[in-house]
Amino acid sequence: MKQIKAYVRPAVADHVIDMMEDRSADSPGIAASELRVYGHPDDSDPLERSHLAKLEIVVRDEDAEPVVDIILEHAQTGRSGDGAIYVSEVTDAIRIRNGARD
């Protein structure tokens, strides 16, 4: 399994989620939160603060690339501050309710 963390502009987060739901009958569950982010855009000296939405998604290995493609297609404006996507390996998932391992 893969975990995808996508940091996107808050204005496009709902649209990205809607597109994932529209394109897949088996759309993944998504955790979404809004964040304040501090960084150095374009290698500038002063630290800048901005707001982003974080989408966290866990999918089967074969579904990771299509999900990344949807995020890129619907979150990309071409301007600085569009965000970032990180994909990592999930070694185990345990359902708290019943202890089931997926």
PDB file of N, CA and C in Angstrom:
ATOM      1  N   MET A   1       0.831  -1.172   0.000  1.00  0.00           N
ATOM      2  CA  MET A   1       0.000   0.000   0.000  1.00  0.00           C
ATOM      3  C   MET A   1       0.882   1.242   0.000  1.00  0.00           C
ATOM      4  N   LYS A   2       0.294   2.338  -0.476  1.00  0.00           N
ATOM      5  CA  LYS A   2       0.998   3.624  -0.531  1.00  0.00           C
ATOM      6  C   LYS A   2       0.182   4.677   0.205  1.00  0.00           C
ATOM      7  N   GLN A   3       0.901   5.591   0.859  1.00  0.00           N
ATOM      8  CA  GLN A   3       0.262   6.759   1.440  1.00  0.00           C
ATOM      9  C   GLN A   3       0.654   7.953   0.596  1.00  0.00           C
ATOM     10  N   ILE A   4      -0.339   8.729   0.217  1.00  0.00           N
ATOM     11  CA  ILE A   4      -0.114   9.935  -0.566  1.00  0.00           C
ATOM     12  C   ILE A   4      -0.488  11.118   0.316  1.00  0.00           C
ATOM     13  N   LYS A   5       0.465  12.028   0.497  1.00  0.00           N
ATOM     14  CA  LYS A   5       0.202  13.284   1.186  1.00  0.00           C
ATOM     15  C   LYS A   5       0.326  14.375   0.145  1.00  0.00           C
ATOM     16  N   ALA A   6      -0.757  15.076  -0.076  1.00  0.00           N
ATOM     17  CA  ALA A   6      -0.760  16.155  -1.060  1.00  0.00           C
ATOM     18  C   ALA A   6      -1.058  17.461  -0.348  1.00  0.00           C
ATOM     19  N   TYR A   7      -0.185  18.423  -0.514  1.00  0.00           N
ATOM     20  CA  TYR A   7      -0.368  19.761   0.024  1.00  0.00           C
ATOM     21  C   TYR A   7      -0.791  20.638  -1.143  1.00  0.00           C
ATOM     22  N   VAL A   8      -2.042  21.100  -1.113  1.00  0.00           N
ATOM     23  CA  VAL A   8      -2.606  21.847  -2.242  1.00  0.00           C
ATOM     24  C   VAL A   8      -3.228  23.153  -1.739  1.00  0.00           C
ATOM     25  N   ARG A   9      -3.510  24.039  -2.665  1.00  0.00           N
ATOM     26  CA  ARG A   9      -4.193  25.285  -2.316  1.00  0.00           C
ATOM     27  C   ARG A   9      -5.580  24.944  -1.756  1.00  0.00           C
ATOM     28  N   PRO A  10      -5.998  25.595  -0.674  1.00  0.00           N
ATOM     29  CA  PRO A  10      -7.317  25.301  -0.094  1.00  0.00           C
ATOM     30  C   PRO A  10      -8.460  25.472  -1.093  1.00  0.00           C
ATOM     31  N   ALA A  11      -8.319  26.398  -2.019  1.00  0.00           N
ATOM     32  CA  ALA A  11      -9.378  26.669  -2.992  1.00  0.00           C
ATOM     33  C   ALA A  11      -9.631  25.502  -3.943  1.00  0.00           C
ATOM     34  N   VAL A  12      -8.651  24.607  -4.105  1.00  0.00           N
ATOM     35  CA  VAL A  12      -8.823  23.491  -5.045  1.00  0.00           C
ATOM     36  C   VAL A  12      -9.031  22.150  -4.344  1.00  0.00           C
ATOM     37  N   ALA A  13      -8.918  22.107  -3.023  1.00  0.00           N
ATOM     38  CA  ALA A  13      -8.981  20.823  -2.305  1.00  0.00           C
ATOM     39  C   ALA A  13     -10.292  20.086  -2.556  1.00  0.00           C
ATOM     40  N   ASP A  14     -11.426  20.772  -2.409  1.00  0.00           N
ATOM     41  CA  ASP A  14     -12.715  20.105  -2.622  1.00  0.00           C
ATOM     42  C   ASP A  14     -12.866  19.620  -4.057  1.00  0.00           C
ATOM     43  N   HIS A  15     -12.370  20.403  -5.005  1.00  0.00           N
ATOM     44  CA  HIS A  15     -12.448  20.005  -6.415  1.00  0.00           C
ATOM     45  C   HIS A  15     -11.626  18.734  -6.672  1.00  0.00           C
ATOM     46  N   VAL A  16     -10.423  18.677  -6.102  1.00  0.00           N
ATOM     47  CA  VAL A  16      -9.579  17.486  -6.258  1.00  0.00           C
ATOM     48  C   VAL A  16     -10.289  16.262  -5.679  1.00  0.00           C
ATOM     49  N   ILE A  17     -10.878  16.409  -4.497  1.00  0.00           N
ATOM     50  CA  ILE A  17     -11.598  15.295  -3.869  1.00  0.00           C
ATOM     51  C   ILE A  17     -12.779  14.872  -4.738  1.00  0.00           C
ATOM     52  N   ASP A  18     -13.536  15.821  -5.261  1.00  0.00           N
ATOM     53  CA  ASP A  18     -14.666  15.499  -6.136  1.00  0.00           C
ATOM     54  C   ASP A  18     -14.211  14.742  -7.382  1.00  0.00           C
ATOM     55  N   MET A  19     -13.082  15.140  -7.960  1.00  0.00           N
ATOM     56  CA  MET A  19     -12.586  14.480  -9.165  1.00  0.00           C
ATOM     57  C   MET A  19     -12.160  13.046  -8.871  1.00  0.00           C
ATOM     58  N   MET A  20     -11.585  12.812  -7.700  1.00  0.00           N
ATOM     59  CA  MET A  20     -11.229  11.431  -7.334  1.00  0.00           C
ATOM     60  C   MET A  20     -12.472  10.575  -7.200  1.00  0.00           C
ATOM     61  N   GLU A  21     -13.510  11.136  -6.616  1.00  0.00           N
ATOM     62  CA  GLU A  21     -14.759  10.393  -6.447  1.00  0.00           C
ATOM     63  C   GLU A  21     -15.417  10.123  -7.798  1.00  0.00           C
ATOM     64  N   ASP A  22     -15.392  11.109  -8.713  1.00  0.00           N
ATOM     65  CA  ASP A  22     -16.008  10.967 -10.027  1.00  0.00           C
ATOM     66  C   ASP A  22     -15.314   9.932 -10.896  1.00  0.00           C
ATOM     67  N   ARG A  23     -13.998   9.796 -10.750  1.00  0.00           N
ATOM     68  CA  ARG A  23     -13.228   8.937 -11.656  1.00  0.00           C
ATOM     69  C   ARG A  23     -13.091   7.502 -11.187  1.00  0.00           C
ATOM     70  N   SER A  24     -13.599   7.205 -10.003  1.00  0.00           N
ATOM     71  CA  SER A  24     -13.421   5.849  -9.501  1.00  0.00           C
ATOM     72  C   SER A  24     -14.644   5.403  -8.716  1.00  0.00           C
ATOM     73  N   ALA A  25     -15.177   4.250  -9.079  1.00  0.00           N
ATOM     74  CA  ALA A  25     -16.289   3.688  -8.320  1.00  0.00           C
ATOM     75  C   ALA A  25     -15.815   3.278  -6.938  1.00  0.00           C
ATOM     76  N   ASP A  26     -14.536   2.967  -6.824  1.00  0.00           N
ATOM     77  CA  ASP A  26     -13.938   2.553  -5.553  1.00  0.00           C
ATOM     78  C   ASP A  26     -12.993   3.661  -5.081  1.00  0.00           C
ATOM     79  N   SER A  27     -13.539   4.874  -4.940  1.00  0.00           N
ATOM     80  CA  SER A  27     -12.676   6.003  -4.580  1.00  0.00           C
ATOM     81  C   SER A  27     -12.136   5.830  -3.167  1.00  0.00           C
ATOM     82  N   PRO A  28     -10.901   6.292  -2.950  1.00  0.00           N
ATOM     83  CA  PRO A  28     -10.265   6.105  -1.639  1.00  0.00           C
ATOM     84  C   PRO A  28     -10.845   7.047  -0.597  1.00  0.00           C
ATOM     85  N   GLY A  29     -10.712   6.665   0.668  1.00  0.00           N
ATOM     86  CA  GLY A  29     -11.032   7.580   1.747  1.00  0.00           C
ATOM     87  C   GLY A  29      -9.952   8.645   1.808  1.00  0.00           C
ATOM     88  N   ILE A  30     -10.340   9.848   2.169  1.00  0.00           N
ATOM     89  CA  ILE A  30      -9.398  10.963   2.184  1.00  0.00           C
ATOM     90  C   ILE A  30      -9.553  11.721   3.490  1.00  0.00           C
ATOM     91  N   ALA A  31      -8.445  11.984   4.162  1.00  0.00           N
ATOM     92  CA  ALA A  31      -8.436  12.869   5.328  1.00  0.00           C
ATOM     93  C   ALA A  31      -7.947  14.226   4.838  1.00  0.00           C
ATOM     94  N   ALA A  32      -8.686  15.279   5.162  1.00  0.00           N
ATOM     95  CA  ALA A  32      -8.315  16.621   4.710  1.00  0.00           C
ATOM     96  C   ALA A  32      -8.230  17.559   5.902  1.00  0.00           C
ATOM     97  N   SER A  33      -7.211  18.406   5.886  1.00  0.00           N
ATOM     98  CA  SER A  33      -7.067  19.404   6.937  1.00  0.00           C
ATOM     99  C   SER A  33      -6.430  20.653   6.342  1.00  0.00           C
ATOM    100  N   GLU A  34      -6.662  21.788   6.996  1.00  0.00           N
ATOM    101  CA  GLU A  34      -6.038  23.032   6.555  1.00  0.00           C
ATOM    102  C   GLU A  34      -4.867  23.349   7.459  1.00  0.00           C
ATOM    103  N   LEU A  35      -3.799  23.854   6.866  1.00  0.00           N
ATOM    104  CA  LEU A  35      -2.547  24.094   7.583  1.00  0.00           C
ATOM    105  C   LEU A  35      -2.011  25.491   7.324  1.00  0.00           C
ATOM    106  N   ARG A  36      -1.241  25.976   8.269  1.00  0.00           N
ATOM    107  CA  ARG A  36      -0.388  27.134   8.027  1.00  0.00           C
ATOM    108  C   ARG A  36       0.983  26.562   7.733  1.00  0.00           C
ATOM    109  N   VAL A  37       1.597  27.019   6.670  1.00  0.00           N
ATOM    110  CA  VAL A  37       2.873  26.485   6.219  1.00  0.00           C
ATOM    111  C   VAL A  37       3.891  27.616   6.202  1.00  0.00           C
ATOM    112  N   TYR A  38       5.089  27.310   6.672  1.00  0.00           N
ATOM    113  CA  TYR A  38       6.169  28.290   6.702  1.00  0.00           C
ATOM    114  C   TYR A  38       7.303  27.764   5.835  1.00  0.00           C
ATOM    115  N   GLY A  39       7.768  28.583   4.910  1.00  0.00           N
ATOM    116  CA  GLY A  39       8.837  28.110   4.043  1.00  0.00           C
ATOM    117  C   GLY A  39       9.509  29.240   3.305  1.00  0.00           C
ATOM    118  N   HIS A  40      10.448  28.869   2.464  1.00  0.00           N
ATOM    119  CA  HIS A  40      11.226  29.806   1.661  1.00  0.00           C
ATOM    120  C   HIS A  40      10.896  29.566   0.183  1.00  0.00           C
ATOM    121  N   PRO A  41       9.842  30.178  -0.335  1.00  0.00           N
ATOM    122  CA  PRO A  41       9.510  29.955  -1.740  1.00  0.00           C
ATOM    123  C   PRO A  41      10.575  30.523  -2.667  1.00  0.00           C
ATOM    124  N   ASP A  42      10.850  29.825  -3.710  1.00  0.00           N
ATOM    125  CA  ASP A  42      11.808  30.281  -4.725  1.00  0.00           C
ATOM    126  C   ASP A  42      13.152  30.668  -4.115  1.00  0.00           C
ATOM    127  N   ASP A  43      13.585  29.938  -3.098  1.00  0.00           N
ATOM    128  CA  ASP A  43      14.882  30.166  -2.449  1.00  0.00           C
ATOM    129  C   ASP A  43      15.042  31.593  -1.916  1.00  0.00           C
ATOM    130  N   SER A  44      13.934  32.228  -1.519  1.00  0.00           N
ATOM    131  CA  SER A  44      14.042  33.580  -0.972  1.00  0.00           C
ATOM    132  C   SER A  44      14.549  33.519   0.456  1.00  0.00           C
ATOM    133  N   ASP A  45      15.106  34.605   0.898  1.00  0.00           N
ATOM    134  CA  ASP A  45      15.671  34.664   2.244  1.00  0.00           C
ATOM    135  C   ASP A  45      14.617  34.695   3.345  1.00  0.00           C
ATOM    136  N   PRO A  46      13.633  35.591   3.284  1.00  0.00           N
ATOM    137  CA  PRO A  46      12.694  35.660   4.403  1.00  0.00           C
ATOM    138  C   PRO A  46      11.737  34.459   4.424  1.00  0.00           C
ATOM    139  N   LEU A  47      11.406  34.031   5.629  1.00  0.00           N
ATOM    140  CA  LEU A  47      10.453  32.951   5.819  1.00  0.00           C
ATOM    141  C   LEU A  47       9.063  33.493   5.540  1.00  0.00           C
ATOM    142  N   GLU A  48       8.297  32.799   4.705  1.00  0.00           N
ATOM    143  CA  GLU A  48       6.950  33.243   4.376  1.00  0.00           C
ATOM    144  C   GLU A  48       5.929  32.262   4.922  1.00  0.00           C
ATOM    145  N   ARG A  49       4.775  32.800   5.293  1.00  0.00           N
ATOM    146  CA  ARG A  49       3.678  31.977   5.797  1.00  0.00           C
ATOM    147  C   ARG A  49       2.591  31.917   4.737  1.00  0.00           C
ATOM    148  N   SER A  50       2.042  30.724   4.542  1.00  0.00           N
ATOM    149  CA  SER A  50       0.922  30.583   3.623  1.00  0.00           C
ATOM    150  C   SER A  50      -0.029  29.527   4.190  1.00  0.00           C
ATOM    151  N   HIS A  51      -1.146  29.371   3.544  1.00  0.00           N
ATOM    152  CA  HIS A  51      -2.126  28.369   3.957  1.00  0.00           C
ATOM    153  C   HIS A  51      -2.250  27.328   2.851  1.00  0.00           C
ATOM    154  N   LEU A  52      -2.270  26.061   3.256  1.00  0.00           N
ATOM    155  CA  LEU A  52      -2.475  24.965   2.323  1.00  0.00           C
ATOM    156  C   LEU A  52      -3.452  23.971   2.937  1.00  0.00           C
ATOM    157  N   ALA A  53      -4.033  23.147   2.091  1.00  0.00           N
ATOM    158  CA  ALA A  53      -4.837  22.025   2.550  1.00  0.00           C
ATOM    159  C   ALA A  53      -3.993  20.771   2.391  1.00  0.00           C
ATOM    160  N   LYS A  54      -4.063  19.878   3.377  1.00  0.00           N
ATOM    161  CA  LYS A  54      -3.330  18.613   3.282  1.00  0.00           C
ATOM    162  C   LYS A  54      -4.341  17.498   3.072  1.00  0.00           C
ATOM    163  N   LEU A  55      -4.137  16.725   2.015  1.00  0.00           N
ATOM    164  CA  LEU A  55      -4.956  15.554   1.729  1.00  0.00           C
ATOM    165  C   LEU A  55      -4.112  14.325   2.005  1.00  0.00           C
ATOM    166  N   GLU A  56      -4.623  13.415   2.828  1.00  0.00           N
ATOM    167  CA  GLU A  56      -3.918  12.166   3.129  1.00  0.00           C
ATOM    168  C   GLU A  56      -4.766  11.017   2.619  1.00  0.00           C
ATOM    169  N   ILE A  57      -4.138  10.173   1.801  1.00  0.00           N
ATOM    170  CA  ILE A  57      -4.856   9.106   1.115  1.00  0.00           C
ATOM    171  C   ILE A  57      -4.006   7.845   1.166  1.00  0.00           C
ATOM    172  N   VAL A  58      -4.614   6.720   1.524  1.00  0.00           N
ATOM    173  CA  VAL A  58      -3.911   5.433   1.484  1.00  0.00           C
ATOM    174  C   VAL A  58      -4.600   4.573   0.425  1.00  0.00           C
ATOM    175  N   VAL A  59      -3.815   4.056  -0.522  1.00  0.00           N
ATOM    176  CA  VAL A  59      -4.359   3.287  -1.639  1.00  0.00           C
ATOM    177  C   VAL A  59      -3.500   2.055  -1.905  1.00  0.00           C
ATOM    178  N   ARG A  60      -4.064   1.133  -2.679  1.00  0.00           N
ATOM    179  CA  ARG A  60      -3.274  -0.008  -3.152  1.00  0.00           C
ATOM    180  C   ARG A  60      -2.166   0.523  -4.057  1.00  0.00           C
ATOM    181  N   ASP A  61      -1.077  -0.226  -4.141  1.00  0.00           N
ATOM    182  CA  ASP A  61       0.072   0.211  -4.943  1.00  0.00           C
ATOM    183  C   ASP A  61      -0.326   0.618  -6.360  1.00  0.00           C
ATOM    184  N   GLU A  62      -1.186  -0.172  -6.992  1.00  0.00           N
ATOM    185  CA  GLU A  62      -1.553   0.089  -8.388  1.00  0.00           C
ATOM    186  C   GLU A  62      -2.437   1.327  -8.549  1.00  0.00           C
ATOM    187  N   ASP A  63      -3.028   1.809  -7.463  1.00  0.00           N
ATOM    188  CA  ASP A  63      -3.886   2.994  -7.541  1.00  0.00           C
ATOM    189  C   ASP A  63      -3.138   4.293  -7.236  1.00  0.00           C
ATOM    190  N   ALA A  64      -1.900   4.205  -6.793  1.00  0.00           N
ATOM    191  CA  ALA A  64      -1.164   5.404  -6.386  1.00  0.00           C
ATOM    192  C   ALA A  64      -0.942   6.364  -7.556  1.00  0.00           C
ATOM    193  N   GLU A  65      -0.456   5.876  -8.670  1.00  0.00           N
ATOM    194  CA  GLU A  65      -0.144   6.770  -9.794  1.00  0.00           C
ATOM    195  C   GLU A  65      -1.393   7.439 -10.364  1.00  0.00           C
ATOM    196  N   PRO A  66      -2.515   6.731 -10.545  1.00  0.00           N
ATOM    197  CA  PRO A  66      -3.725   7.426 -11.003  1.00  0.00           C
ATOM    198  C   PRO A  66      -4.197   8.517 -10.031  1.00  0.00           C
ATOM    199  N   VAL A  67      -4.064   8.294  -8.730  1.00  0.00           N
ATOM    200  CA  VAL A  67      -4.451   9.315  -7.751  1.00  0.00           C
ATOM    201  C   VAL A  67      -3.523  10.520  -7.864  1.00  0.00           C
ATOM    202  N   VAL A  68      -2.228  10.290  -7.980  1.00  0.00           N
ATOM    203  CA  VAL A  68      -1.273  11.386  -8.157  1.00  0.00           C
ATOM    204  C   VAL A  68      -1.611  12.176  -9.426  1.00  0.00           C
ATOM    205  N   ASP A  69      -1.943  11.475 -10.505  1.00  0.00           N
ATOM    206  CA  ASP A  69      -2.291  12.145 -11.761  1.00  0.00           C
ATOM    207  C   ASP A  69      -3.517  13.052 -11.597  1.00  0.00           C
ATOM    208  N   ILE A  70      -4.527  12.589 -10.855  1.00  0.00           N
ATOM    209  CA  ILE A  70      -5.725  13.395 -10.621  1.00  0.00           C
ATOM    210  C   ILE A  70      -5.362  14.653  -9.838  1.00  0.00           C
ATOM    211  N   ILE A  71      -4.535  14.491  -8.814  1.00  0.00           N
ATOM    212  CA  ILE A  71      -4.124  15.651  -8.019  1.00  0.00           C
ATOM    213  C   ILE A  71      -3.379  16.657  -8.894  1.00  0.00           C
ATOM    214  N   LEU A  72      -2.420  16.181  -9.680  1.00  0.00           N
ATOM    215  CA  LEU A  72      -1.659  17.075 -10.553  1.00  0.00           C
ATOM    216  C   LEU A  72      -2.566  17.792 -11.551  1.00  0.00           C
ATOM    217  N   GLU A  73      -3.488  17.062 -12.128  1.00  0.00           N
ATOM    218  CA  GLU A  73      -4.365  17.638 -13.151  1.00  0.00           C
ATOM    219  C   GLU A  73      -5.269  18.724 -12.578  1.00  0.00           C
ATOM    220  N   HIS A  74      -5.739  18.538 -11.354  1.00  0.00           N
ATOM    221  CA  HIS A  74      -6.759  19.440 -10.827  1.00  0.00           C
ATOM    222  C   HIS A  74      -6.268  20.422  -9.765  1.00  0.00           C
ATOM    223  N   ALA A  75      -5.010  20.311  -9.332  1.00  0.00           N
ATOM    224  CA  ALA A  75      -4.485  21.227  -8.324  1.00  0.00           C
ATOM    225  C   ALA A  75      -3.409  22.157  -8.875  1.00  0.00           C
ATOM    226  N   GLN A  76      -2.933  21.873 -10.058  1.00  0.00           N
ATOM    227  CA  GLN A  76      -1.804  22.620 -10.619  1.00  0.00           C
ATOM    228  C   GLN A  76      -2.273  23.895 -11.304  1.00  0.00           C
ATOM    229  N   THR A  77      -1.729  25.037 -10.869  1.00  0.00           N
ATOM    230  CA  THR A  77      -2.021  26.315 -11.524  1.00  0.00           C
ATOM    231  C   THR A  77      -0.815  26.829 -12.296  1.00  0.00           C
ATOM    232  N   GLY A  78       0.369  26.264 -11.983  1.00  0.00           N
ATOM    233  CA  GLY A  78       1.588  26.735 -12.621  1.00  0.00           C
ATOM    234  C   GLY A  78       2.247  27.883 -11.887  1.00  0.00           C
ATOM    235  N   ARG A  79       1.650  28.297 -10.758  1.00  0.00           N
ATOM    236  CA  ARG A  79       2.213  29.396  -9.982  1.00  0.00           C
ATOM    237  C   ARG A  79       2.928  28.851  -8.751  1.00  0.00           C
ATOM    238  N   SER A  80       3.849  29.640  -8.234  1.00  0.00           N
ATOM    239  CA  SER A  80       4.525  29.279  -7.004  1.00  0.00           C
ATOM    240  C   SER A  80       3.487  29.123  -5.896  1.00  0.00           C
ATOM    241  N   GLY A  81       3.651  28.106  -5.070  1.00  0.00           N
ATOM    242  CA  GLY A  81       2.713  27.877  -3.976  1.00  0.00           C
ATOM    243  C   GLY A  81       1.641  26.853  -4.277  1.00  0.00           C
ATOM    244  N   ASP A  82       1.750  26.164  -5.424  1.00  0.00           N
ATOM    245  CA  ASP A  82       0.764  25.128  -5.760  1.00  0.00           C
ATOM    246  C   ASP A  82       0.812  23.958  -4.787  1.00  0.00           C
ATOM    247  N   GLY A  83       1.948  23.739  -4.130  1.00  0.00           N
ATOM    248  CA  GLY A  83       2.040  22.669  -3.141  1.00  0.00           C
ATOM    249  C   GLY A  83       2.997  21.578  -3.556  1.00  0.00           C
ATOM    250  N   ALA A  84       2.808  20.406  -2.951  1.00  0.00           N
ATOM    251  CA  ALA A  84       3.698  19.264  -3.195  1.00  0.00           C
ATOM    252  C   ALA A  84       2.932  17.976  -2.930  1.00  0.00           C
ATOM    253  N   ILE A  85       3.454  16.887  -3.497  1.00  0.00           N
ATOM    254  CA  ILE A  85       2.879  15.559  -3.289  1.00  0.00           C
ATOM    255  C   ILE A  85       4.004  14.639  -2.832  1.00  0.00           C
ATOM    256  N   TYR A  86       3.743  13.876  -1.780  1.00  0.00           N
ATOM    257  CA  TYR A  86       4.698  12.896  -1.279  1.00  0.00           C
ATOM    258  C   TYR A  86       4.031  11.527  -1.283  1.00  0.00           C
ATOM    259  N   VAL A  87       4.741  10.530  -1.774  1.00  0.00           N
ATOM    260  CA  VAL A  87       4.234   9.162  -1.798  1.00  0.00           C
ATOM    261  C   VAL A  87       5.191   8.296  -0.992  1.00  0.00           C
ATOM    262  N   SER A  88       4.647   7.547  -0.041  1.00  0.00           N
ATOM    263  CA  SER A  88       5.484   6.676   0.780  1.00  0.00           C
ATOM    264  C   SER A  88       4.831   5.314   0.938  1.00  0.00           C
ATOM    265  N   GLU A  89       5.642   4.367   1.347  1.00  0.00           N
ATOM    266  CA  GLU A  89       5.193   2.983   1.534  1.00  0.00           C
ATOM    267  C   GLU A  89       4.478   2.847   2.883  1.00  0.00           C
ATOM    268  N   VAL A  90       3.369   2.119   2.887  1.00  0.00           N
ATOM    269  CA  VAL A  90       2.664   1.785   4.127  1.00  0.00           C
ATOM    270  C   VAL A  90       2.935   0.308   4.391  1.00  0.00           C
ATOM    271  N   THR A  91       3.524   0.017   5.523  1.00  0.00           N
ATOM    272  CA  THR A  91       3.865  -1.373   5.818  1.00  0.00           C
ATOM    273  C   THR A  91       2.751  -2.126   6.530  1.00  0.00           C
ATOM    274  N   ASP A  92       1.850  -1.400   7.186  1.00  0.00           N
ATOM    275  CA  ASP A  92       0.766  -2.066   7.896  1.00  0.00           C
ATOM    276  C   ASP A  92      -0.366  -1.081   8.116  1.00  0.00           C
ATOM    277  N   ALA A  93      -1.594  -1.578   8.107  1.00  0.00           N
ATOM    278  CA  ALA A  93      -2.776  -0.772   8.417  1.00  0.00           C
ATOM    279  C   ALA A  93      -3.660  -1.617   9.326  1.00  0.00           C
ATOM    280  N   ILE A  94      -4.056  -1.047  10.453  1.00  0.00           N
ATOM    281  CA  ILE A  94      -4.830  -1.787  11.438  1.00  0.00           C
ATOM    282  C   ILE A  94      -6.089  -0.990  11.762  1.00  0.00           C
ATOM    283  N   ARG A  95      -7.223  -1.638  11.630  1.00  0.00           N
ATOM    284  CA  ARG A  95      -8.494  -1.001  11.950  1.00  0.00           C
ATOM    285  C   ARG A  95      -8.691  -1.046  13.463  1.00  0.00           C
ATOM    286  N   ILE A  96      -8.813   0.111  14.110  1.00  0.00           N
ATOM    287  CA  ILE A  96      -8.910   0.185  15.565  1.00  0.00           C
ATOM    288  C   ILE A  96     -10.167  -0.524  16.073  1.00  0.00           C
ATOM    289  N   ARG A  97     -11.273  -0.376  15.377  1.00  0.00           N
ATOM    290  CA  ARG A  97     -12.547  -0.932  15.810  1.00  0.00           C
ATOM    291  C   ARG A  97     -12.464  -2.433  16.098  1.00  0.00           C
ATOM    292  N   ASN A  98     -11.812  -3.187  15.187  1.00  0.00           N
ATOM    293  CA  ASN A  98     -11.818  -4.651  15.336  1.00  0.00           C
ATOM    294  C   ASN A  98     -10.437  -5.288  15.225  1.00  0.00           C
ATOM    295  N   GLY A  99      -9.402  -4.488  15.101  1.00  0.00           N
ATOM    296  CA  GLY A  99      -8.049  -5.026  15.024  1.00  0.00           C
ATOM    297  C   GLY A  99      -7.691  -5.649  13.691  1.00  0.00           C
ATOM    298  N   ALA A 100      -8.593  -5.549  12.703  1.00  0.00           N
ATOM    299  CA  ALA A 100      -8.337  -6.139  11.392  1.00  0.00           C
ATOM    300  C   ALA A 100      -7.140  -5.467  10.734  1.00  0.00           C
ATOM    301  N   ARG A 101      -6.329  -6.269  10.101  1.00  0.00           N
ATOM    302  CA  ARG A 101      -5.164  -5.759   9.366  1.00  0.00           C
ATOM    303  C   ARG A 101      -5.462  -5.842   7.867  1.00  0.00           C
ATOM    304  N   ASP A 102      -5.203  -4.743   7.196  1.00  0.00           N
ATOM    305  CA  ASP A 102      -5.458  -4.683   5.746  1.00  0.00           C
ATOM    306  C   ASP A 102      -4.171  -4.838   4.986  1.00  0.00           C
TER     307      ASP A 102
END
